[in-house]
Each structure stands twice: as C-alpha cells, then as structure tokens.
C-alpha cells in the first residue's frame, strides 16, 4: 500500500510485522479502484486484522510504543460485526479504523465457506454476508498469502450481500408503528430530546434500510449504512430519508409522522411492487 502519513505508516508497519497478525486486509474507500474511490488525503484507513490475541491490540500502549509522544490523540474501542472489537484511532496526521478478529473465528469462516455453509445455513449466510459487506466494494490483501487471497476472492464472488426478506420488511414496518406511538408519548410528556433520539435511531434508520433494499431489488446502486447517499440518491429519494426538525413538540411530531409515512410507502413498494408500477426482480 502506498504511504498514507508517517504515523499511520508506523502503526501499520508494526501490525504487519507482528507474528500475532495472521492476515490483514485493507477495505473501504482506500481499497477501491481509483475511478470508483471517494478517498482523499483526509480519508481514514480501514483494516481487518486476523490476530491470535485480540486483547493486546485494543490496548493503546502498543501503538504509543512505536509512535512519537502525543501522536495518539484519541483511541476508541467499540463492538463491530459479530461481537469482535473495532478500534478507531485519531492520530496527529491521520485516522485508522481497525477490526481485530480472532484467528480461530476466521478459521471457522474459511472452513464454512469451503463447505458451502453460506448457501445452506441462515446463520452461515449472515456471517458470510458481513464479510461481503466488508470487502464487496473492494479490498487489498496486505498480509496472509495465497490462502487468504483465495478466501476473500470467494467471499466477493460467491456470497450475496445481506438482503431483507419480506418477513423482515413487514417486521420493520410494524416496528415503525410502535416507534411512532412511543415518540408521540414522549412528546406528550415533554421529553423532546428522547423523542428526537428515538426518531433518528428508529424510524429514520428503518427508512435507510428500506430504501437500500428497494434499490437492491431494482438493480440500482445502493448505499449501505447511508454511505455516499448524497451521491447515489436522486433528490426525491434523498428527501424521503432526510429528517429535518427543530427541538419542538410540533417539529418533532411532524417529522416523525412524515418519516412513518415514508416507511409505510417504502415497505408497500417492496412488498407489492406492481401497485407502484414496478415488477419485483429476483431476490
């Protein structure tokens, strides 16, 4: 990989040189083909690292030991897909997002893929789908050799991206009805901030998921986790998934009711596309 910044280079070099790291892949905007990459000088570096002892890597002291004093400005440990740990690091000259996966777990993933469990097991499909989301838009193997290169090629070639079933869509639509009543009750009690939070975490998030699935089914470009939505969606679609409100009872109530109507329409389009003039595509 080409140089990013001195501190990022040092951190990556230390990880790639460690015998505890079995494999490493670069994904995200910096791994995509240049013509399709939104990466710029300020883009972060996204890595997945297969490690024998994840605990040592979430401790910031190993990074501080290879960097100049005060180079680490922030170090955040969070849960990622499947309960593994993601470390987000802000350095003086760049940013890193590192997902540390136990080597044992990834061995099971490789065996499962080899046995075709992603085709016959719902649980296997979900786990493989998480990997497809990781690498589907582009990846680069930085360490691991041919066995890991073969594994990731198969993930990209054979595993479909996670999709919503009709049952899951119905459940999301029912959940929106519940969330709308919960928001209205919070507003009636004067809990404006709780209502605003629930609007964004609940109904607004559902609308992103439904819009993403709708575009999937129509064979159009999608936007997992709302990434690049402004670039992907037309103005009308973008307006549907946008929530704008001030911190007032009337503003939040109107925004929640509007978002709930969008959810109802999107779920109806997905479940009965002929009603809206669109034939359902395969999947």
C-alpha atoms as a PDB file:
ATOM      1  CA  UNK A   1       0.000   0.000   0.000  1.00  0.00           C
ATOM      2  CA  UNK A   2       1.210   3.490  -0.846  1.00  0.00           C
ATOM      3  CA  UNK A   3       2.276   5.771   2.003  1.00  0.00           C
ATOM      4  CA  UNK A   4      -0.590   7.464   3.834  1.00  0.00           C
ATOM      5  CA  UNK A   5       1.123   9.506   6.566  1.00  0.00           C
ATOM      6  CA  UNK A   6       4.178   8.895   8.769  1.00  0.00           C
ATOM      7  CA  UNK A   7       2.240   7.908  11.892  1.00  0.00           C
ATOM      8  CA  UNK A   8      -0.294   5.751  10.064  1.00  0.00           C
ATOM      9  CA  UNK A   9       2.575   4.060   8.216  1.00  0.00           C
ATOM     10  CA  UNK A  10       4.323   3.288  11.512  1.00  0.00           C
ATOM     11  CA  UNK A  11       1.239   1.764  13.094  1.00  0.00           C
ATOM     12  CA  UNK A  12       0.517  -0.360  10.041  1.00  0.00           C
ATOM     13  CA  UNK A  13       4.128  -1.494   9.750  1.00  0.00           C
ATOM     14  CA  UNK A  14       4.132  -2.613  13.393  1.00  0.00           C
ATOM     15  CA  UNK A  15       0.968  -4.654  12.915  1.00  0.00           C
ATOM     16  CA  UNK A  16       2.036  -6.254   9.650  1.00  0.00           C
ATOM     17  CA  UNK A  17       5.423  -7.209  11.116  1.00  0.00           C
ATOM     18  CA  UNK A  18       3.912  -8.874  14.181  1.00  0.00           C
ATOM     19  CA  UNK A  19       3.754 -12.706  14.186  1.00  0.00           C
ATOM     20  CA  UNK A  20       0.487 -12.371  16.116  1.00  0.00           C
ATOM     21  CA  UNK A  21      -1.176 -10.982  12.954  1.00  0.00           C
ATOM     22  CA  UNK A  22      -2.061 -13.854  10.614  1.00  0.00           C
ATOM     23  CA  UNK A  23      -3.758 -11.785   7.912  1.00  0.00           C
ATOM     24  CA  UNK A  24      -4.634  -8.193   7.145  1.00  0.00           C
ATOM     25  CA  UNK A  25      -6.870  -6.658   4.526  1.00  0.00           C
ATOM     26  CA  UNK A  26      -7.435  -3.059   3.564  1.00  0.00           C
ATOM     27  CA  UNK A  27     -11.038  -2.195   2.723  1.00  0.00           C
ATOM     28  CA  UNK A  28     -13.156   0.928   2.426  1.00  0.00           C
ATOM     29  CA  UNK A  29     -12.522   3.907   0.180  1.00  0.00           C
ATOM     30  CA  UNK A  30      -8.732   3.483   0.073  1.00  0.00           C
ATOM     31  CA  UNK A  31      -9.065  -0.073  -1.254  1.00  0.00           C
ATOM     32  CA  UNK A  32     -11.441   0.715  -4.105  1.00  0.00           C
ATOM     33  CA  UNK A  33     -10.329   1.196  -7.697  1.00  0.00           C
ATOM     34  CA  UNK A  34      -9.259   4.785  -8.191  1.00  0.00           C
ATOM     35  CA  UNK A  35     -12.109   5.555 -10.607  1.00  0.00           C
ATOM     36  CA  UNK A  36     -14.703   4.472  -8.005  1.00  0.00           C
ATOM     37  CA  UNK A  37     -12.991   5.723  -4.864  1.00  0.00           C
ATOM     38  CA  UNK A  38     -14.057   8.812  -2.916  1.00  0.00           C
ATOM     39  CA  UNK A  39     -10.812   8.662  -0.909  1.00  0.00           C
ATOM     40  CA  UNK A  40      -8.855  11.869  -0.471  1.00  0.00           C
ATOM     41  CA  UNK A  41      -5.946  12.968   1.685  1.00  0.00           C
ATOM     42  CA  UNK A  42      -8.205  13.086   4.737  1.00  0.00           C
ATOM     43  CA  UNK A  43      -9.800   9.660   4.297  1.00  0.00           C
ATOM     44  CA  UNK A  44      -9.272   7.150   7.077  1.00  0.00           C
ATOM     45  CA  UNK A  45      -7.649   3.736   6.658  1.00  0.00           C
ATOM     46  CA  UNK A  46      -9.959   0.751   7.215  1.00  0.00           C
ATOM     47  CA  UNK A  47      -8.345  -2.557   8.160  1.00  0.00           C
ATOM     48  CA  UNK A  48      -9.393  -6.023   9.220  1.00  0.00           C
ATOM     49  CA  UNK A  49      -6.696  -7.932  11.093  1.00  0.00           C
ATOM     50  CA  UNK A  50      -6.838 -11.626  11.916  1.00  0.00           C
ATOM     51  CA  UNK A  51      -4.962 -11.954  15.217  1.00  0.00           C
ATOM     52  CA  UNK A  52      -4.185 -14.678  17.733  1.00  0.00           C
ATOM     53  CA  UNK A  53      -4.606 -12.485  20.829  1.00  0.00           C
ATOM     54  CA  UNK A  54      -7.105  -9.657  20.190  1.00  0.00           C
ATOM     55  CA  UNK A  55      -6.823  -8.330  23.748  1.00  0.00           C
ATOM     56  CA  UNK A  56      -3.313  -6.969  23.254  1.00  0.00           C
ATOM     57  CA  UNK A  57      -4.356  -4.949  20.210  1.00  0.00           C
ATOM     58  CA  UNK A  58      -7.152  -2.980  21.859  1.00  0.00           C
ATOM     59  CA  UNK A  59      -4.654  -1.589  24.375  1.00  0.00           C
ATOM     60  CA  UNK A  60      -3.298   1.700  23.030  1.00  0.00           C
ATOM     61  CA  UNK A  61       0.115   1.229  24.627  1.00  0.00           C
ATOM     62  CA  UNK A  62       1.417  -0.897  21.740  1.00  0.00           C
ATOM     63  CA  UNK A  63       0.708   1.932  19.285  1.00  0.00           C
ATOM     64  CA  UNK A  64       2.178   4.556  21.588  1.00  0.00           C
ATOM     65  CA  UNK A  65       5.352   2.474  21.822  1.00  0.00           C
ATOM     66  CA  UNK A  66       6.011   2.841  18.067  1.00  0.00           C
ATOM     67  CA  UNK A  67       4.918   6.476  17.707  1.00  0.00           C
ATOM     68  CA  UNK A  68       6.291   9.854  18.794  1.00  0.00           C
ATOM     69  CA  UNK A  69       4.941  11.232  22.094  1.00  0.00           C
ATOM     70  CA  UNK A  70       1.362  12.542  21.905  1.00  0.00           C
ATOM     71  CA  UNK A  71       0.853  11.196  18.358  1.00  0.00           C
ATOM     72  CA  UNK A  72      -2.257   9.325  19.522  1.00  0.00           C
ATOM     73  CA  UNK A  73      -4.953  11.948  20.038  1.00  0.00           C
ATOM     74  CA  UNK A  74      -7.892   9.581  20.612  1.00  0.00           C
ATOM     75  CA  UNK A  75      -8.350   5.807  20.940  1.00  0.00           C
ATOM     76  CA  UNK A  76     -11.878   4.365  20.923  1.00  0.00           C
ATOM     77  CA  UNK A  77     -12.781   0.661  21.332  1.00  0.00           C
ATOM     78  CA  UNK A  78     -16.222  -0.434  20.103  1.00  0.00           C
ATOM     79  CA  UNK A  79     -18.102  -3.591  19.137  1.00  0.00           C
ATOM     80  CA  UNK A  80     -18.180  -4.491  15.438  1.00  0.00           C
ATOM     81  CA  UNK A  81     -19.995  -7.179  13.399  1.00  0.00           C
ATOM     82  CA  UNK A  82     -20.185 -10.464  15.280  1.00  0.00           C
ATOM     83  CA  UNK A  83     -19.060  -9.010  18.609  1.00  0.00           C
ATOM     84  CA  UNK A  84     -15.428  -8.518  17.565  1.00  0.00           C
ATOM     85  CA  UNK A  85     -13.598  -5.347  18.540  1.00  0.00           C
ATOM     86  CA  UNK A  86     -13.132  -2.278  16.383  1.00  0.00           C
ATOM     87  CA  UNK A  87     -10.536   0.301  17.364  1.00  0.00           C
ATOM     88  CA  UNK A  88     -10.852   3.820  15.938  1.00  0.00           C
ATOM     89  CA  UNK A  89      -7.667   5.841  16.263  1.00  0.00           C
ATOM     90  CA  UNK A  90      -7.170   9.552  15.704  1.00  0.00           C
ATOM     91  CA  UNK A  91      -3.518  10.377  15.078  1.00  0.00           C
ATOM     92  CA  UNK A  92      -1.903  13.740  14.572  1.00  0.00           C
ATOM     93  CA  UNK A  93      -1.666  13.070  10.833  1.00  0.00           C
ATOM     94  CA  UNK A  94      -4.411  10.579  10.028  1.00  0.00           C
ATOM     95  CA  UNK A  95      -7.133   8.176  11.124  1.00  0.00           C
ATOM     96  CA  UNK A  96      -7.359   4.389  11.369  1.00  0.00           C
ATOM     97  CA  UNK A  97     -10.294   2.029  11.859  1.00  0.00           C
ATOM     98  CA  UNK A  98      -9.026  -1.439  12.801  1.00  0.00           C
ATOM     99  CA  UNK A  99     -11.212  -4.508  13.293  1.00  0.00           C
ATOM    100  CA  UNK A 100      -9.459  -7.286  15.217  1.00  0.00           C
ATOM    101  CA  UNK A 101     -10.861 -10.767  14.558  1.00  0.00           C
ATOM    102  CA  UNK A 102      -9.675 -13.842  16.499  1.00  0.00           C
ATOM    103  CA  UNK A 103      -7.762 -16.210  14.223  1.00  0.00           C
ATOM    104  CA  UNK A 104      -9.858 -19.116  15.491  1.00  0.00           C
ATOM    105  CA  UNK A 105     -13.068 -17.445  14.332  1.00  0.00           C
ATOM    106  CA  UNK A 106     -11.710 -16.723  10.875  1.00  0.00           C
ATOM    107  CA  UNK A 107     -10.519 -20.321  10.508  1.00  0.00           C
ATOM    108  CA  UNK A 108     -14.120 -21.400  11.055  1.00  0.00           C
ATOM    109  CA  UNK A 109     -15.219 -18.835   8.459  1.00  0.00           C
ATOM    110  CA  UNK A 110     -12.780 -20.251   5.912  1.00  0.00           C
ATOM    111  CA  UNK A 111     -13.906 -23.817   6.585  1.00  0.00           C
ATOM    112  CA  UNK A 112     -17.555 -22.790   6.443  1.00  0.00           C
ATOM    113  CA  UNK A 113     -17.069 -21.126   3.090  1.00  0.00           C
ATOM    114  CA  UNK A 114     -15.197 -24.153   1.752  1.00  0.00           C
ATOM    115  CA  UNK A 115     -18.086 -26.410   2.862  1.00  0.00           C
ATOM    116  CA  UNK A 116     -20.705 -24.090   1.336  1.00  0.00           C
ATOM    117  CA  UNK A 117     -22.416 -23.326   4.644  1.00  0.00           C
ATOM    118  CA  UNK A 118     -23.184 -19.826   3.392  1.00  0.00           C
ATOM    119  CA  UNK A 119     -25.586 -21.448   0.902  1.00  0.00           C
ATOM    120  CA  UNK A 120     -27.408 -23.835   3.238  1.00  0.00           C
ATOM    121  CA  UNK A 121     -27.316 -22.240   6.697  1.00  0.00           C
ATOM    122  CA  UNK A 122     -29.084 -18.953   7.603  1.00  0.00           C
ATOM    123  CA  UNK A 123     -26.504 -18.332  10.332  1.00  0.00           C
ATOM    124  CA  UNK A 124     -23.680 -19.064   7.904  1.00  0.00           C
ATOM    125  CA  UNK A 125     -25.267 -16.730   5.360  1.00  0.00           C
ATOM    126  CA  UNK A 126     -25.429 -13.889   7.905  1.00  0.00           C
ATOM    127  CA  UNK A 127     -21.805 -14.282   8.929  1.00  0.00           C
ATOM    128  CA  UNK A 128     -20.621 -14.553   5.337  1.00  0.00           C
ATOM    129  CA  UNK A 129     -22.791 -11.560   4.413  1.00  0.00           C
ATOM    130  CA  UNK A 130     -20.982  -9.418   6.974  1.00  0.00           C
ATOM    131  CA  UNK A 131     -17.704 -10.301   5.256  1.00  0.00           C
ATOM    132  CA  UNK A 132     -19.185  -9.462   1.857  1.00  0.00           C
ATOM    133  CA  UNK A 133     -20.197  -6.029   3.117  1.00  0.00           C
ATOM    134  CA  UNK A 134     -16.636  -5.560   4.301  1.00  0.00           C
ATOM    135  CA  UNK A 135     -14.886  -6.436   1.047  1.00  0.00           C
ATOM    136  CA  UNK A 136     -17.543  -6.309  -1.658  1.00  0.00           C
ATOM    137  CA  UNK A 137     -16.770  -2.766  -2.784  1.00  0.00           C
ATOM    138  CA  UNK A 138     -13.059  -3.510  -2.991  1.00  0.00           C
ATOM    139  CA  UNK A 139     -10.243  -4.824  -0.832  1.00  0.00           C
ATOM    140  CA  UNK A 140      -6.486  -5.346  -0.827  1.00  0.00           C
ATOM    141  CA  UNK A 141      -4.734  -8.161   0.972  1.00  0.00           C
ATOM    142  CA  UNK A 142      -1.769  -6.720   2.879  1.00  0.00           C
ATOM    143  CA  UNK A 143      -0.728  -9.900   4.682  1.00  0.00           C
ATOM    144  CA  UNK A 144      -1.765 -13.540   4.620  1.00  0.00           C
ATOM    145  CA  UNK A 145      -0.622 -15.117   1.387  1.00  0.00           C
ATOM    146  CA  UNK A 146      -2.484 -17.213  -1.153  1.00  0.00           C
ATOM    147  CA  UNK A 147      -4.859 -18.998   1.246  1.00  0.00           C
ATOM    148  CA  UNK A 148      -6.302 -15.709   2.442  1.00  0.00           C
ATOM    149  CA  UNK A 149      -6.378 -14.218  -1.049  1.00  0.00           C
ATOM    150  CA  UNK A 150      -8.358 -17.245  -2.215  1.00  0.00           C
ATOM    151  CA  UNK A 151     -10.756 -16.914   0.716  1.00  0.00           C
ATOM    152  CA  UNK A 152     -11.541 -13.248   0.042  1.00  0.00           C
ATOM    153  CA  UNK A 153     -11.938 -13.828  -3.678  1.00  0.00           C
ATOM    154  CA  UNK A 154     -14.540 -16.479  -2.925  1.00  0.00           C
ATOM    155  CA  UNK A 155     -16.330 -14.193  -0.472  1.00  0.00           C
ATOM    156  CA  UNK A 156     -16.615 -11.457  -3.096  1.00  0.00           C
ATOM    157  CA  UNK A 157     -17.536 -13.836  -5.930  1.00  0.00           C
ATOM    158  CA  UNK A 158     -19.919 -16.241  -4.181  1.00  0.00           C
ATOM    159  CA  UNK A 159     -21.523 -14.565  -1.176  1.00  0.00           C
ATOM    160  CA  UNK A 160     -24.509 -12.299  -1.849  1.00  0.00           C
ATOM    161  CA  UNK A 161     -24.856  -9.059   0.063  1.00  0.00           C
ATOM    162  CA  UNK A 162     -27.216  -9.276   3.045  1.00  0.00           C
ATOM    163  CA  UNK A 163     -30.793  -8.636   1.998  1.00  0.00           C
ATOM    164  CA  UNK A 164     -34.100  -8.090   3.753  1.00  0.00           C
ATOM    165  CA  UNK A 165     -36.709 -10.816   3.432  1.00  0.00           C
ATOM    166  CA  UNK A 166     -40.381  -9.900   3.054  1.00  0.00           C
ATOM    167  CA  UNK A 167     -40.928 -11.059   6.646  1.00  0.00           C
ATOM    168  CA  UNK A 168     -38.177  -8.741   7.882  1.00  0.00           C
ATOM    169  CA  UNK A 169     -39.669  -5.841   5.915  1.00  0.00           C
ATOM    170  CA  UNK A 170     -43.085  -6.437   7.483  1.00  0.00           C
ATOM    171  CA  UNK A 171     -41.495  -6.549  10.914  1.00  0.00           C
ATOM    172  CA  UNK A 172     -39.659  -3.269  10.310  1.00  0.00           C
ATOM    173  CA  UNK A 173     -42.904  -1.658   9.138  1.00  0.00           C
ATOM    174  CA  UNK A 174     -44.711  -2.848  12.270  1.00  0.00           C
ATOM    175  CA  UNK A 175     -41.833  -1.572  14.393  1.00  0.00           C
ATOM    176  CA  UNK A 176     -42.231   1.894  12.868  1.00  0.00           C
ATOM    177  CA  UNK A 177     -45.854   1.980  14.044  1.00  0.00           C
ATOM    178  CA  UNK A 178     -44.708   1.129  17.566  1.00  0.00           C
ATOM    179  CA  UNK A 179     -41.903   3.703  17.450  1.00  0.00           C
ATOM    180  CA  UNK A 180     -44.243   6.446  16.238  1.00  0.00           C
ATOM    181  CA  UNK A 181     -46.560   5.950  19.218  1.00  0.00           C
ATOM    182  CA  UNK A 182     -43.563   5.861  21.563  1.00  0.00           C
ATOM    183  CA  UNK A 183     -42.283   9.156  20.116  1.00  0.00           C
ATOM    184  CA  UNK A 184     -45.711  10.764  20.435  1.00  0.00           C
ATOM    185  CA  UNK A 185     -45.976   9.693  24.069  1.00  0.00           C
ATOM    186  CA  UNK A 186     -42.534  11.082  24.828  1.00  0.00           C
ATOM    187  CA  UNK A 187     -43.579  14.373  23.264  1.00  0.00           C
ATOM    188  CA  UNK A 188     -46.768  14.420  25.351  1.00  0.00           C
ATOM    189  CA  UNK A 189     -44.552  14.105  28.455  1.00  0.00           C
ATOM    190  CA  UNK A 190     -42.259  16.881  27.255  1.00  0.00           C
ATOM    191  CA  UNK A 191     -39.332  14.506  26.622  1.00  0.00           C
ATOM    192  CA  UNK A 192     -38.184  16.277  23.452  1.00  0.00           C
ATOM    193  CA  UNK A 193     -34.633  15.005  23.340  1.00  0.00           C
ATOM    194  CA  UNK A 194     -35.645  11.415  23.996  1.00  0.00           C
ATOM    195  CA  UNK A 195     -38.259  11.682  21.239  1.00  0.00           C
ATOM    196  CA  UNK A 196     -35.743  13.193  18.816  1.00  0.00           C
ATOM    197  CA  UNK A 197     -33.229  10.453  19.609  1.00  0.00           C
ATOM    198  CA  UNK A 198     -35.826   7.718  19.090  1.00  0.00           C
ATOM    199  CA  UNK A 199     -36.846   9.246  15.760  1.00  0.00           C
ATOM    200  CA  UNK A 200     -33.300   9.033  14.421  1.00  0.00           C
ATOM    201  CA  UNK A 201     -32.404   5.654  15.927  1.00  0.00           C
ATOM    202  CA  UNK A 202     -35.728   4.094  14.985  1.00  0.00           C
ATOM    203  CA  UNK A 203     -37.842   5.345  12.084  1.00  0.00           C
ATOM    204  CA  UNK A 204     -35.104   7.239  10.240  1.00  0.00           C
ATOM    205  CA  UNK A 205     -32.801   4.210  10.395  1.00  0.00           C
ATOM    206  CA  UNK A 206     -35.572   1.934   9.096  1.00  0.00           C
ATOM    207  CA  UNK A 207     -36.107   4.218   6.120  1.00  0.00           C
ATOM    208  CA  UNK A 208     -32.430   3.988   5.156  1.00  0.00           C
ATOM    209  CA  UNK A 209     -32.665   0.190   5.317  1.00  0.00           C
ATOM    210  CA  UNK A 210     -35.867   0.075   3.268  1.00  0.00           C
ATOM    211  CA  UNK A 211     -34.562   2.481   0.634  1.00  0.00           C
ATOM    212  CA  UNK A 212     -31.338   0.464   0.397  1.00  0.00           C
ATOM    213  CA  UNK A 213     -33.315  -2.764  -0.115  1.00  0.00           C
ATOM    214  CA  UNK A 214     -35.656  -1.147  -2.650  1.00  0.00           C
ATOM    215  CA  UNK A 215     -32.736  -0.055  -4.790  1.00  0.00           C
ATOM    216  CA  UNK A 216     -31.206  -3.522  -4.447  1.00  0.00           C
ATOM    217  CA  UNK A 217     -34.373  -5.137  -5.787  1.00  0.00           C
ATOM    218  CA  UNK A 218     -34.495  -2.721  -8.699  1.00  0.00           C
ATOM    219  CA  UNK A 219     -30.878  -3.448  -9.582  1.00  0.00           C
ATOM    220  CA  UNK A 220     -29.751   0.085  -8.788  1.00  0.00           C
ATOM    221  CA  UNK A 221     -26.736   1.386  -6.921  1.00  0.00           C
ATOM    222  CA  UNK A 222     -27.108   1.071  -3.143  1.00  0.00           C
ATOM    223  CA  UNK A 223     -25.726   2.800  -0.073  1.00  0.00           C
ATOM    224  CA  UNK A 224     -25.178   0.532   2.948  1.00  0.00           C
ATOM    225  CA  UNK A 225     -25.190   2.498   6.232  1.00  0.00           C
ATOM    226  CA  UNK A 226     -26.184   5.613   4.229  1.00  0.00           C
ATOM    227  CA  UNK A 227     -22.649   5.902   2.899  1.00  0.00           C
ATOM    228  CA  UNK A 228     -22.468   8.185  -0.154  1.00  0.00           C
ATOM    229  CA  UNK A 229     -26.251   8.602  -0.115  1.00  0.00           C
ATOM    230  CA  UNK A 230     -25.939  12.169  -1.397  1.00  0.00           C
ATOM    231  CA  UNK A 231     -24.056  10.858  -4.407  1.00  0.00           C
ATOM    232  CA  UNK A 232     -26.217   7.781  -5.030  1.00  0.00           C
ATOM    233  CA  UNK A 233     -29.796   9.007  -4.499  1.00  0.00           C
ATOM    234  CA  UNK A 234     -31.793  11.372  -6.653  1.00  0.00           C
ATOM    235  CA  UNK A 235     -33.276  14.441  -4.986  1.00  0.00           C
ATOM    236  CA  UNK A 236     -36.713  12.887  -4.391  1.00  0.00           C
ATOM    237  CA  UNK A 237     -35.303   9.719  -2.805  1.00  0.00           C
ATOM    238  CA  UNK A 238     -32.844  11.685  -0.704  1.00  0.00           C
ATOM    239  CA  UNK A 239     -35.667  13.874   0.587  1.00  0.00           C
ATOM    240  CA  UNK A 240     -37.582  10.778   1.716  1.00  0.00           C
ATOM    241  CA  UNK A 241     -34.779   9.564   4.001  1.00  0.00           C
ATOM    242  CA  UNK A 242     -33.880  13.027   5.309  1.00  0.00           C
ATOM    243  CA  UNK A 243     -35.157  14.119   8.727  1.00  0.00           C
ATOM    244  CA  UNK A 244     -35.183  17.857   9.439  1.00  0.00           C
ATOM    245  CA  UNK A 245     -36.719  19.229  12.634  1.00  0.00           C
ATOM    246  CA  UNK A 246     -36.184  21.783  15.339  1.00  0.00           C
ATOM    247  CA  UNK A 247     -36.331  20.819  19.003  1.00  0.00           C
ATOM    248  CA  UNK A 248     -40.036  21.445  19.497  1.00  0.00           C
ATOM    249  CA  UNK A 249     -43.067  19.262  20.086  1.00  0.00           C
ATOM    250  CA  UNK A 250     -44.661  20.326  16.816  1.00  0.00           C
ATOM    251  CA  UNK A 251     -41.478  19.974  14.779  1.00  0.00           C
ATOM    252  CA  UNK A 252     -40.556  16.522  16.061  1.00  0.00           C
ATOM    253  CA  UNK A 253     -44.149  15.269  15.803  1.00  0.00           C
ATOM    254  CA  UNK A 254     -44.439  16.390  12.184  1.00  0.00           C
ATOM    255  CA  UNK A 255     -41.032  14.928  11.286  1.00  0.00           C
ATOM    256  CA  UNK A 256     -41.886  11.590  12.939  1.00  0.00           C
ATOM    257  CA  UNK A 257     -45.257  11.343  11.213  1.00  0.00           C
ATOM    258  CA  UNK A 258     -43.676  12.192   7.854  1.00  0.00           C
ATOM    259  CA  UNK A 259     -40.932   9.589   8.351  1.00  0.00           C
ATOM    260  CA  UNK A 260     -43.538   6.979   9.331  1.00  0.00           C
ATOM    261  CA  UNK A 261     -45.494   7.666   6.128  1.00  0.00           C
ATOM    262  CA  UNK A 262     -42.290   7.216   4.129  1.00  0.00           C
ATOM    263  CA  UNK A 263     -41.663   3.881   5.868  1.00  0.00           C
ATOM    264  CA  UNK A 264     -45.191   2.725   5.049  1.00  0.00           C
ATOM    265  CA  UNK A 265     -44.799   3.669   1.402  1.00  0.00           C
ATOM    266  CA  UNK A 266     -41.344   2.082   1.044  1.00  0.00           C
ATOM    267  CA  UNK A 267     -42.473  -1.157   2.667  1.00  0.00           C
ATOM    268  CA  UNK A 268     -45.537  -1.234   0.415  1.00  0.00           C
ATOM    269  CA  UNK A 269     -43.387  -0.719  -2.673  1.00  0.00           C
ATOM    270  CA  UNK A 270     -41.163  -3.587  -1.570  1.00  0.00           C
ATOM    271  CA  UNK A 271     -43.997  -5.982  -0.717  1.00  0.00           C
ATOM    272  CA  UNK A 272     -46.334  -5.122  -3.592  1.00  0.00           C
ATOM    273  CA  UNK A 273     -44.217  -3.513  -6.330  1.00  0.00           C
ATOM    274  CA  UNK A 274     -46.900  -3.956  -9.036  1.00  0.00           C
ATOM    275  CA  UNK A 275     -49.110  -1.489  -7.197  1.00  0.00           C
ATOM    276  CA  UNK A 276     -46.421   1.134  -7.811  1.00  0.00           C
ATOM    277  CA  UNK A 277     -45.654   0.138 -11.402  1.00  0.00           C
ATOM    278  CA  UNK A 278     -42.508  -1.881 -10.701  1.00  0.00           C
ATOM    279  CA  UNK A 279     -42.083  -5.600 -11.235  1.00  0.00           C
ATOM    280  CA  UNK A 280     -40.256  -7.393  -8.442  1.00  0.00           C
ATOM    281  CA  UNK A 281     -36.794  -8.564  -9.518  1.00  0.00           C
ATOM    282  CA  UNK A 282     -35.236 -11.817  -8.360  1.00  0.00           C
ATOM    283  CA  UNK A 283     -34.041 -11.887  -4.757  1.00  0.00           C
END
